[in-house]
Structure formats: structure tokens, C-alpha cells
């Protein structure tokens, strides 16, 4: 019974994290830009932009 508040708090944090990622995907100017790039493939420089964007999300989150 003493672990129940921690369990509830962890579920709420998990939900908030999931919601934040869903909202950031909808309102991200980087994603909008990448969707407009013609012929996006693994050899384009935009993939470096994706890697930097993902790394910055991880750094901000921790």
C-alpha cells in the first residue's frame, strides 16, 4: 500500500510524457519543413537535421 502513490505518480508522468511528444509532433516547425522537402532520402542533409532535433529532445528531457 505504501507504493501506491509512487505507482500513480509514475503512470501520470508517463502519460504526460506521451502527451508532450504527441503535441510536439503536431506543432513542430522541423517536422513541417521535412514534410515539404522533395526527394527526402537517407543521403540528404536533412537527415542530419533530424538527428540533431532528436538529440536535442533527449538533452532537454533529461
Protein backbone atom coordinates (compact mmCIF):
# COMPACT_ATOMS: atom_id res chain seq x y z
CA UNK A 1 0.00 0.00 0.00
CA UNK A 2 2.91 2.37 0.61
CA UNK A 3 3.99 2.09 -3.07
CA UNK A 4 0.59 3.05 -4.49
CA UNK A 5 1.26 6.84 -4.61
CA UNK A 6 4.53 6.21 -6.43
CA UNK A 7 2.79 3.94 -8.92
CA UNK A 8 0.07 6.52 -9.58
CA UNK A 9 2.65 9.30 -9.97
CA UNK A 10 4.71 7.24 -12.41
CA UNK A 11 1.64 6.50 -14.55
CA UNK A 12 0.79 10.21 -14.61
CA UNK A 13 4.34 11.14 -15.61
CA UNK A 14 4.30 8.51 -18.36
CA UNK A 15 1.02 9.88 -19.68
CA UNK A 16 2.28 13.48 -19.55
CA UNK A 17 5.46 12.48 -21.40
CA UNK A 18 3.46 10.73 -24.11
CA UNK A 19 1.15 13.71 -24.45
CA UNK A 20 4.08 16.12 -24.71
CA UNK A 21 5.62 14.11 -27.54
CA UNK A 22 2.31 13.96 -29.38
CA UNK A 23 1.86 17.72 -29.11
CA UNK A 24 5.44 18.46 -30.11
CA UNK A 25 5.00 16.39 -33.25
CA UNK A 26 1.90 18.35 -34.29
CA UNK A 27 3.39 21.79 -33.67
CA UNK A 28 6.97 21.23 -34.74
CA UNK A 29 8.32 23.53 -37.45
CA UNK A 30 11.10 21.00 -38.15
CA UNK A 31 8.59 18.26 -38.97
CA UNK A 32 6.62 20.66 -41.18
CA UNK A 33 9.83 21.54 -43.03
CA UNK A 34 10.83 17.91 -43.51
CA UNK A 35 7.41 17.04 -44.88
CA UNK A 36 7.86 19.72 -47.55
CA UNK A 37 11.33 18.54 -48.66
CA UNK A 38 11.14 16.83 -52.06
CA UNK A 39 13.01 13.53 -52.50
CA UNK A 40 13.91 13.06 -48.85
CA UNK A 41 16.21 10.03 -48.52
CA UNK A 42 18.98 8.72 -46.31
CA UNK A 43 21.67 10.62 -48.26
CA UNK A 44 20.16 14.08 -47.86
CA UNK A 45 21.48 16.61 -45.37
CA UNK A 46 18.05 16.87 -43.78
CA UNK A 47 18.77 13.58 -42.02
CA UNK A 48 21.47 15.42 -40.05
CA UNK A 49 18.76 17.90 -39.07
CA UNK A 50 16.57 15.03 -37.86
CA UNK A 51 19.43 13.58 -35.80
CA UNK A 52 20.15 16.96 -34.18
CA UNK A 53 16.48 17.51 -33.46
CA UNK A 54 16.13 14.09 -31.82
CA UNK A 55 19.30 14.60 -29.80
CA UNK A 56 18.12 17.99 -28.57
CA UNK A 57 14.83 16.47 -27.41
CA UNK A 58 16.74 13.87 -25.43
CA UNK A 59 19.03 16.50 -23.88
CA UNK A 60 16.13 18.76 -22.92
CA UNK A 61 14.17 15.89 -21.46
CA UNK A 62 16.98 14.80 -19.13
